[in-house]
């Protein structure tokens, strides 16, 4: 079975066929999914999906591009929602300097990142890290909040193998998805080849980042076998071995063993 550790099935891209698609996952070998929030609204919809389907779990948090208007009451509300039985992580949280380049906006991102990391520590939850064009500041904030004391996955890892080594020092996990199949993903392939297989989680980030040969189309967990095959080739393992190892990795990370 395959564990999709990062999906967004509450996205409007699934509005027309969400129920049918989710119902088809198990028979296609997808055994578990974590639906990950990106803003306050998707916290609620992610938790609703987790309540509807026994194999779906929720991550509760606010993406860096959506933190500018968060209030103290919002942080309290997030803590309340994280008490739900199927809320398995804080996420996705972090830094995104690709879109947000203004110094004051980036400062606000760092502040909220720290606040949500503190929430994860308080509640003993793992964290799902979004980091884009912000490797140094991501490392700095996480170091200030405990470094190796945090349980973290670097979602959609896109940095170099040298940066991967920095995160490895803290025993973090790495989310690998459809980008691994792209012809121009040399940097990721080099990093993934070097990463310990025990620290790799499979993910889609659906509806985004569909693998080859579906690149540019709506992504879903049904396309994860393409990522499994690419990772198997890279690691010199069978597809079944990749599925088994990453399944246990996901269960261990999210405390679902």
C-alpha atoms as a PDB file:
ATOM      1  CA  UNK A   1       0.000   0.000   0.000  1.00  0.00           C
ATOM      2  CA  UNK A   2       1.042   3.602  -0.655  1.00  0.00           C
ATOM      3  CA  UNK A   3       0.856   6.412   1.899  1.00  0.00           C
ATOM      4  CA  UNK A   4       0.251   9.849   0.357  1.00  0.00           C
ATOM      5  CA  UNK A   5       1.612  12.014   3.154  1.00  0.00           C
ATOM      6  CA  UNK A   6       0.667  15.389   1.654  1.00  0.00           C
ATOM      7  CA  UNK A   7      -2.481  16.098  -0.357  1.00  0.00           C
ATOM      8  CA  UNK A   8      -5.080  18.857  -0.754  1.00  0.00           C
ATOM      9  CA  UNK A   9      -8.299  17.036  -1.614  1.00  0.00           C
ATOM     10  CA  UNK A  10     -10.352  19.917  -0.269  1.00  0.00           C
ATOM     11  CA  UNK A  11      -9.066  22.050  -3.158  1.00  0.00           C
ATOM     12  CA  UNK A  12     -11.674  23.329  -5.615  1.00  0.00           C
ATOM     13  CA  UNK A  13      -9.940  21.334  -8.374  1.00  0.00           C
ATOM     14  CA  UNK A  14     -11.664  18.255  -6.930  1.00  0.00           C
ATOM     15  CA  UNK A  15     -15.083  19.846  -6.599  1.00  0.00           C
ATOM     16  CA  UNK A  16     -16.777  17.835  -9.344  1.00  0.00           C
ATOM     17  CA  UNK A  17     -15.550  14.321  -8.518  1.00  0.00           C
ATOM     18  CA  UNK A  18     -14.035  14.437  -5.022  1.00  0.00           C
ATOM     19  CA  UNK A  19     -16.216  11.687  -3.549  1.00  0.00           C
ATOM     20  CA  UNK A  20     -15.754   9.253  -6.413  1.00  0.00           C
ATOM     21  CA  UNK A  21     -12.013   9.851  -6.602  1.00  0.00           C
ATOM     22  CA  UNK A  22     -11.434   9.398  -2.868  1.00  0.00           C
ATOM     23  CA  UNK A  23     -13.618   6.284  -2.883  1.00  0.00           C
ATOM     24  CA  UNK A  24     -11.407   4.779  -5.609  1.00  0.00           C
ATOM     25  CA  UNK A  25      -8.102   5.255  -3.774  1.00  0.00           C
ATOM     26  CA  UNK A  26      -8.074   2.111  -1.634  1.00  0.00           C
ATOM     27  CA  UNK A  27      -8.769  -0.247  -4.532  1.00  0.00           C
ATOM     28  CA  UNK A  28      -5.872   1.392  -6.388  1.00  0.00           C
ATOM     29  CA  UNK A  29      -3.442   0.720  -3.561  1.00  0.00           C
ATOM     30  CA  UNK A  30      -3.568   4.053  -1.698  1.00  0.00           C
ATOM     31  CA  UNK A  31      -3.954   3.096   1.953  1.00  0.00           C
ATOM     32  CA  UNK A  32      -3.602   6.410   3.789  1.00  0.00           C
ATOM     33  CA  UNK A  33      -3.679  10.131   3.005  1.00  0.00           C
ATOM     34  CA  UNK A  34      -2.850  13.199   5.055  1.00  0.00           C
ATOM     35  CA  UNK A  35      -4.858  16.191   3.848  1.00  0.00           C
ATOM     36  CA  UNK A  36      -2.849  19.305   4.614  1.00  0.00           C
ATOM     37  CA  UNK A  37      -4.275  22.723   5.422  1.00  0.00           C
ATOM     38  CA  UNK A  38      -2.910  25.947   3.945  1.00  0.00           C
ATOM     39  CA  UNK A  39      -5.187  28.551   5.541  1.00  0.00           C
ATOM     40  CA  UNK A  40      -7.883  28.803   8.203  1.00  0.00           C
ATOM     41  CA  UNK A  41     -10.660  27.706   5.845  1.00  0.00           C
ATOM     42  CA  UNK A  42      -8.781  24.591   4.748  1.00  0.00           C
ATOM     43  CA  UNK A  43      -8.136  23.640   8.377  1.00  0.00           C
ATOM     44  CA  UNK A  44     -11.881  23.125   8.697  1.00  0.00           C
ATOM     45  CA  UNK A  45     -12.285  21.341   5.359  1.00  0.00           C
ATOM     46  CA  UNK A  46      -9.293  19.075   6.022  1.00  0.00           C
ATOM     47  CA  UNK A  47     -10.723  18.042   9.378  1.00  0.00           C
ATOM     48  CA  UNK A  48     -14.094  17.419   7.749  1.00  0.00           C
ATOM     49  CA  UNK A  49     -12.516  15.079   5.186  1.00  0.00           C
ATOM     50  CA  UNK A  50     -10.683  13.263   7.981  1.00  0.00           C
ATOM     51  CA  UNK A  51     -13.969  12.754   9.790  1.00  0.00           C
ATOM     52  CA  UNK A  52     -15.671  11.435   6.640  1.00  0.00           C
ATOM     53  CA  UNK A  53     -13.020   8.880   5.629  1.00  0.00           C
ATOM     54  CA  UNK A  54     -11.253   6.501   8.015  1.00  0.00           C
ATOM     55  CA  UNK A  55      -8.033   6.471   5.946  1.00  0.00           C
ATOM     56  CA  UNK A  56      -7.700  10.266   5.695  1.00  0.00           C
ATOM     57  CA  UNK A  57      -5.958  12.326   8.384  1.00  0.00           C
ATOM     58  CA  UNK A  58      -5.542  16.095   8.690  1.00  0.00           C
ATOM     59  CA  UNK A  59      -2.683  18.517   9.191  1.00  0.00           C
ATOM     60  CA  UNK A  60      -3.596  21.852  10.792  1.00  0.00           C
ATOM     61  CA  UNK A  61      -1.613  24.993  10.033  1.00  0.00           C
ATOM     62  CA  UNK A  62      -1.251  28.098   7.876  1.00  0.00           C
ATOM     63  CA  UNK A  63       0.993  28.344   4.795  1.00  0.00           C
ATOM     64  CA  UNK A  64       3.511  31.217   4.889  1.00  0.00           C
ATOM     65  CA  UNK A  65       1.769  33.098   2.101  1.00  0.00           C
ATOM     66  CA  UNK A  66      -1.423  33.218   4.182  1.00  0.00           C
ATOM     67  CA  UNK A  67      -0.149  34.322   7.602  1.00  0.00           C
ATOM     68  CA  UNK A  68      -0.220  38.105   7.226  1.00  0.00           C
ATOM     69  CA  UNK A  69      -3.607  38.624   8.871  1.00  0.00           C
ATOM     70  CA  UNK A  70      -3.429  35.993  11.622  1.00  0.00           C
ATOM     71  CA  UNK A  71      -4.538  37.210  15.046  1.00  0.00           C
ATOM     72  CA  UNK A  72      -3.966  35.926  18.569  1.00  0.00           C
ATOM     73  CA  UNK A  73      -7.439  34.423  18.482  1.00  0.00           C
ATOM     74  CA  UNK A  74      -6.512  32.577  15.270  1.00  0.00           C
ATOM     75  CA  UNK A  75      -3.543  30.921  16.991  1.00  0.00           C
ATOM     76  CA  UNK A  76      -5.811  29.903  19.856  1.00  0.00           C
ATOM     77  CA  UNK A  77      -8.287  28.493  17.335  1.00  0.00           C
ATOM     78  CA  UNK A  78      -5.513  26.496  15.629  1.00  0.00           C
ATOM     79  CA  UNK A  79      -4.553  24.998  18.977  1.00  0.00           C
ATOM     80  CA  UNK A  80      -8.168  24.014  19.566  1.00  0.00           C
ATOM     81  CA  UNK A  81      -8.387  22.330  16.166  1.00  0.00           C
ATOM     82  CA  UNK A  82      -5.150  20.431  16.750  1.00  0.00           C
ATOM     83  CA  UNK A  83      -6.868  18.653  19.631  1.00  0.00           C
ATOM     84  CA  UNK A  84      -9.005  16.721  17.121  1.00  0.00           C
ATOM     85  CA  UNK A  85      -8.295  12.990  17.205  1.00  0.00           C
ATOM     86  CA  UNK A  86      -7.328  12.861  13.518  1.00  0.00           C
ATOM     87  CA  UNK A  87      -5.204  16.033  13.492  1.00  0.00           C
ATOM     88  CA  UNK A  88      -1.799  14.397  13.143  1.00  0.00           C
ATOM     89  CA  UNK A  89       0.518  17.337  12.397  1.00  0.00           C
ATOM     90  CA  UNK A  90       1.030  21.089  12.270  1.00  0.00           C
ATOM     91  CA  UNK A  91       1.262  22.161   8.665  1.00  0.00           C
ATOM     92  CA  UNK A  92       1.915  23.266   6.216  1.00  0.00           C
ATOM     93  CA  UNK A  93       4.011  26.029   7.755  1.00  0.00           C
ATOM     94  CA  UNK A  94       7.303  27.691   6.917  1.00  0.00           C
ATOM     95  CA  UNK A  95       8.754  30.336   4.618  1.00  0.00           C
ATOM     96  CA  UNK A  96       8.150  31.221   0.966  1.00  0.00           C
ATOM     97  CA  UNK A  97      10.362  33.957  -0.427  1.00  0.00           C
ATOM     98  CA  UNK A  98       9.618  33.075  -4.065  1.00  0.00           C
ATOM     99  CA  UNK A  99       6.397  35.084  -4.098  1.00  0.00           C
ATOM    100  CA  UNK A 100       6.877  37.291  -1.042  1.00  0.00           C
ATOM    101  CA  UNK A 101      10.032  39.391  -1.342  1.00  0.00           C
ATOM    102  CA  UNK A 102       9.180  42.423   0.811  1.00  0.00           C
ATOM    103  CA  UNK A 103      11.304  42.465   4.015  1.00  0.00           C
ATOM    104  CA  UNK A 104       8.347  43.211   6.274  1.00  0.00           C
ATOM    105  CA  UNK A 105       6.304  40.370   4.744  1.00  0.00           C
ATOM    106  CA  UNK A 106       9.188  37.945   5.170  1.00  0.00           C
ATOM    107  CA  UNK A 107       9.613  39.065   8.778  1.00  0.00           C
ATOM    108  CA  UNK A 108       5.950  38.343   9.391  1.00  0.00           C
ATOM    109  CA  UNK A 109       6.403  34.886   7.864  1.00  0.00           C
ATOM    110  CA  UNK A 110       9.300  34.142  10.213  1.00  0.00           C
ATOM    111  CA  UNK A 111       7.278  35.289  13.216  1.00  0.00           C
ATOM    112  CA  UNK A 112       4.325  33.070  12.318  1.00  0.00           C
ATOM    113  CA  UNK A 113       6.623  30.148  11.505  1.00  0.00           C
ATOM    114  CA  UNK A 114       8.085  30.388  15.006  1.00  0.00           C
ATOM    115  CA  UNK A 115       4.650  30.638  16.602  1.00  0.00           C
ATOM    116  CA  UNK A 116       3.399  27.526  14.832  1.00  0.00           C
ATOM    117  CA  UNK A 117       6.576  25.595  15.656  1.00  0.00           C
ATOM    118  CA  UNK A 118       6.024  26.512  19.297  1.00  0.00           C
ATOM    119  CA  UNK A 119       2.477  25.206  19.008  1.00  0.00           C
ATOM    120  CA  UNK A 120       3.775  21.906  17.624  1.00  0.00           C
ATOM    121  CA  UNK A 121       6.226  21.565  20.515  1.00  0.00           C
ATOM    122  CA  UNK A 122       3.536  22.358  23.066  1.00  0.00           C
ATOM    123  CA  UNK A 123       1.204  19.702  21.632  1.00  0.00           C
ATOM    124  CA  UNK A 124       3.950  17.209  20.694  1.00  0.00           C
ATOM    125  CA  UNK A 125       2.953  17.159  17.008  1.00  0.00           C
ATOM    126  CA  UNK A 126       5.226  16.703  13.978  1.00  0.00           C
ATOM    127  CA  UNK A 127       5.531  19.618  11.557  1.00  0.00           C
ATOM    128  CA  UNK A 128       5.203  19.843   7.771  1.00  0.00           C
ATOM    129  CA  UNK A 129       7.620  22.463   6.465  1.00  0.00           C
ATOM    130  CA  UNK A 130       7.081  24.520   3.313  1.00  0.00           C
ATOM    131  CA  UNK A 131      10.381  26.160   2.347  1.00  0.00           C
ATOM    132  CA  UNK A 132      10.907  27.890  -0.986  1.00  0.00           C
ATOM    133  CA  UNK A 133      13.865  30.149  -1.779  1.00  0.00           C
ATOM    134  CA  UNK A 134      14.411  30.434   1.972  1.00  0.00           C
ATOM    135  CA  UNK A 135      16.741  27.615   3.019  1.00  0.00           C
ATOM    136  CA  UNK A 136      18.992  29.625   5.342  1.00  0.00           C
ATOM    137  CA  UNK A 137      16.175  31.385   7.164  1.00  0.00           C
ATOM    138  CA  UNK A 138      14.239  28.109   7.447  1.00  0.00           C
ATOM    139  CA  UNK A 139      17.255  26.477   9.081  1.00  0.00           C
ATOM    140  CA  UNK A 140      17.804  29.499  11.339  1.00  0.00           C
ATOM    141  CA  UNK A 141      14.189  29.613  12.576  1.00  0.00           C
ATOM    142  CA  UNK A 142      14.109  25.883  13.176  1.00  0.00           C
ATOM    143  CA  UNK A 143      17.436  25.998  15.000  1.00  0.00           C
ATOM    144  CA  UNK A 144      16.069  28.734  17.268  1.00  0.00           C
ATOM    145  CA  UNK A 145      13.007  26.588  18.016  1.00  0.00           C
ATOM    146  CA  UNK A 146      14.908  23.444  18.912  1.00  0.00           C
ATOM    147  CA  UNK A 147      16.390  21.968  15.739  1.00  0.00           C
ATOM    148  CA  UNK A 148      16.741  18.256  16.425  1.00  0.00           C
ATOM    149  CA  UNK A 149      14.007  18.383  19.078  1.00  0.00           C
ATOM    150  CA  UNK A 150      11.428  19.015  16.340  1.00  0.00           C
ATOM    151  CA  UNK A 151       9.866  16.183  14.306  1.00  0.00           C
ATOM    152  CA  UNK A 152       9.765  17.601  10.805  1.00  0.00           C
ATOM    153  CA  UNK A 153       9.356  16.768   7.141  1.00  0.00           C
ATOM    154  CA  UNK A 154      10.646  19.152   4.489  1.00  0.00           C
ATOM    155  CA  UNK A 155       7.692  19.073   2.120  1.00  0.00           C
ATOM    156  CA  UNK A 156       8.352  19.024  -1.635  1.00  0.00           C
ATOM    157  CA  UNK A 157      12.097  19.158  -1.042  1.00  0.00           C
ATOM    158  CA  UNK A 158      13.670  21.275  -3.786  1.00  0.00           C
ATOM    159  CA  UNK A 159      17.094  22.299  -2.500  1.00  0.00           C
ATOM    160  CA  UNK A 160      20.551  20.863  -3.171  1.00  0.00           C
ATOM    161  CA  UNK A 161      22.084  17.759  -1.634  1.00  0.00           C
ATOM    162  CA  UNK A 162      24.263  20.065   0.461  1.00  0.00           C
ATOM    163  CA  UNK A 163      21.181  21.699   1.995  1.00  0.00           C
ATOM    164  CA  UNK A 164      19.648  18.272   2.476  1.00  0.00           C
ATOM    165  CA  UNK A 165      22.654  17.349   4.603  1.00  0.00           C
ATOM    166  CA  UNK A 166      21.962  20.327   6.858  1.00  0.00           C
ATOM    167  CA  UNK A 167      18.417  19.102   7.516  1.00  0.00           C
ATOM    168  CA  UNK A 168      19.689  15.532   7.900  1.00  0.00           C
ATOM    169  CA  UNK A 169      21.745  16.609  10.908  1.00  0.00           C
ATOM    170  CA  UNK A 170      18.437  16.931  12.750  1.00  0.00           C
ATOM    171  CA  UNK A 171      17.059  13.597  11.480  1.00  0.00           C
ATOM    172  CA  UNK A 172      14.293  15.261   9.479  1.00  0.00           C
ATOM    173  CA  UNK A 173      12.194  13.563   6.818  1.00  0.00           C
ATOM    174  CA  UNK A 174      11.939  14.646   3.167  1.00  0.00           C
ATOM    175  CA  UNK A 175       8.773  14.756   1.084  1.00  0.00           C
ATOM    176  CA  UNK A 176       9.320  13.467  -2.457  1.00  0.00           C
ATOM    177  CA  UNK A 177       6.657  13.671  -5.169  1.00  0.00           C
ATOM    178  CA  UNK A 178       6.059  14.117  -8.867  1.00  0.00           C
ATOM    179  CA  UNK A 179       8.952  16.512  -9.442  1.00  0.00           C
ATOM    180  CA  UNK A 180      11.308  13.528  -9.107  1.00  0.00           C
ATOM    181  CA  UNK A 181      10.055  12.302 -12.505  1.00  0.00           C
ATOM    182  CA  UNK A 182      10.750  15.579 -14.326  1.00  0.00           C
ATOM    183  CA  UNK A 183      13.579  15.533 -16.851  1.00  0.00           C
ATOM    184  CA  UNK A 184      14.995  18.800 -15.488  1.00  0.00           C
ATOM    185  CA  UNK A 185      14.958  17.700 -11.827  1.00  0.00           C
ATOM    186  CA  UNK A 186      18.696  16.990 -11.667  1.00  0.00           C
ATOM    187  CA  UNK A 187      19.180  18.753  -8.335  1.00  0.00           C
ATOM    188  CA  UNK A 188      16.374  16.824  -6.648  1.00  0.00           C
ATOM    189  CA  UNK A 189      17.514  13.503  -8.089  1.00  0.00           C
ATOM    190  CA  UNK A 190      21.024  14.082  -6.749  1.00  0.00           C
ATOM    191  CA  UNK A 191      19.634  14.904  -3.313  1.00  0.00           C
ATOM    192  CA  UNK A 192      17.162  11.989  -3.294  1.00  0.00           C
ATOM    193  CA  UNK A 193      19.880   9.534  -4.328  1.00  0.00           C
ATOM    194  CA  UNK A 194      21.872  10.534  -1.259  1.00  0.00           C
ATOM    195  CA  UNK A 195      19.010  10.675   1.254  1.00  0.00           C
ATOM    196  CA  UNK A 196      18.498   7.657   3.538  1.00  0.00           C
ATOM    197  CA  UNK A 197      15.453   5.751   2.302  1.00  0.00           C
ATOM    198  CA  UNK A 198      14.245   5.606   5.916  1.00  0.00           C
ATOM    199  CA  UNK A 199      13.796   9.382   5.824  1.00  0.00           C
ATOM    200  CA  UNK A 200      11.774   9.684   2.597  1.00  0.00           C
ATOM    201  CA  UNK A 201       7.999  10.197   2.544  1.00  0.00           C
ATOM    202  CA  UNK A 202       5.898   9.886  -0.614  1.00  0.00           C
ATOM    203  CA  UNK A 203       3.585  12.811  -1.340  1.00  0.00           C
ATOM    204  CA  UNK A 204       1.589  14.331  -4.171  1.00  0.00           C
ATOM    205  CA  UNK A 205       0.817  17.924  -3.134  1.00  0.00           C
ATOM    206  CA  UNK A 206      -2.230  17.277  -5.319  1.00  0.00           C
ATOM    207  CA  UNK A 207      -3.811  18.852  -7.260  1.00  0.00           C
ATOM    208  CA  UNK A 208      -0.350  20.278  -8.034  1.00  0.00           C
ATOM    209  CA  UNK A 209       2.891  18.796  -9.399  1.00  0.00           C
ATOM    210  CA  UNK A 210       1.626  15.767 -11.310  1.00  0.00           C
ATOM    211  CA  UNK A 211       4.450  13.411 -12.373  1.00  0.00           C
ATOM    212  CA  UNK A 212       5.412  12.499 -15.903  1.00  0.00           C
ATOM    213  CA  UNK A 213       3.603  11.564 -18.124  1.00  0.00           C
ATOM    214  CA  UNK A 214       0.784  13.571 -16.523  1.00  0.00           C
ATOM    215  CA  UNK A 215       2.738  16.767 -15.965  1.00  0.00           C
ATOM    216  CA  UNK A 216       0.504  19.821 -16.253  1.00  0.00           C
ATOM    217  CA  UNK A 217      -2.664  17.872 -15.432  1.00  0.00           C
ATOM    218  CA  UNK A 218      -4.500  17.675 -12.126  1.00  0.00           C
ATOM    219  CA  UNK A 219      -2.496  15.505  -9.769  1.00  0.00           C
ATOM    220  CA  UNK A 220      -3.906  12.843  -7.429  1.00  0.00           C
ATOM    221  CA  UNK A 221      -2.689   9.974  -5.272  1.00  0.00           C
ATOM    222  CA  UNK A 222      -3.426   7.637  -8.201  1.00  0.00           C
ATOM    223  CA  UNK A 223      -0.261   8.914  -9.912  1.00  0.00           C
ATOM    224  CA  UNK A 224       2.067   8.002  -7.039  1.00  0.00           C
ATOM    225  CA  UNK A 225       3.153   4.697  -8.689  1.00  0.00           C
ATOM    226  CA  UNK A 226       5.120   6.854 -11.158  1.00  0.00           C
ATOM    227  CA  UNK A 227       7.014   8.401  -8.242  1.00  0.00           C
ATOM    228  CA  UNK A 228       7.520   4.980  -6.668  1.00  0.00           C
ATOM    229  CA  UNK A 229       9.046   3.688  -9.917  1.00  0.00           C
ATOM    230  CA  UNK A 230      11.365   6.686 -10.241  1.00  0.00           C
ATOM    231  CA  UNK A 231      12.524   6.336  -6.642  1.00  0.00           C
ATOM    232  CA  UNK A 232      12.989   2.579  -6.996  1.00  0.00           C
ATOM    233  CA  UNK A 233      15.255   3.105 -10.005  1.00  0.00           C
ATOM    234  CA  UNK A 234      17.231   5.761  -8.165  1.00  0.00           C
ATOM    235  CA  UNK A 235      17.693   3.615  -5.058  1.00  0.00           C
ATOM    236  CA  UNK A 236      18.191   0.234  -6.753  1.00  0.00           C
ATOM    237  CA  UNK A 237      15.151  -1.222  -4.993  1.00  0.00           C
ATOM    238  CA  UNK A 238      11.922  -2.790  -6.185  1.00  0.00           C
ATOM    239  CA  UNK A 239       8.692  -0.818  -6.318  1.00  0.00           C
ATOM    240  CA  UNK A 240       7.263  -3.067  -3.603  1.00  0.00           C
ATOM    241  CA  UNK A 241      10.225  -2.321  -1.351  1.00  0.00           C
ATOM    242  CA  UNK A 242       9.753   1.417  -1.882  1.00  0.00           C
ATOM    243  CA  UNK A 243       6.045   1.148  -1.058  1.00  0.00           C
ATOM    244  CA  UNK A 244       6.690  -0.887   2.082  1.00  0.00           C
ATOM    245  CA  UNK A 245       9.507   1.294   3.403  1.00  0.00           C
ATOM    246  CA  UNK A 246       7.786   4.623   2.741  1.00  0.00           C
ATOM    247  CA  UNK A 247       4.521   3.289   4.213  1.00  0.00           C
ATOM    248  CA  UNK A 248       6.300   2.543   7.481  1.00  0.00           C
ATOM    249  CA  UNK A 249       8.130   5.880   7.289  1.00  0.00           C
ATOM    250  CA  UNK A 250       4.824   7.734   7.013  1.00  0.00           C
ATOM    251  CA  UNK A 251       3.187   5.750   9.805  1.00  0.00           C
ATOM    252  CA  UNK A 252       6.176   6.368  12.071  1.00  0.00           C
ATOM    253  CA  UNK A 253       6.367  10.078  11.316  1.00  0.00           C
ATOM    254  CA  UNK A 254       2.662  10.709  11.885  1.00  0.00           C
ATOM    255  CA  UNK A 255       2.404   8.368  14.880  1.00  0.00           C
ATOM    256  CA  UNK A 256       0.003   5.978  13.166  1.00  0.00           C
ATOM    257  CA  UNK A 257       1.839   2.702  13.784  1.00  0.00           C
END
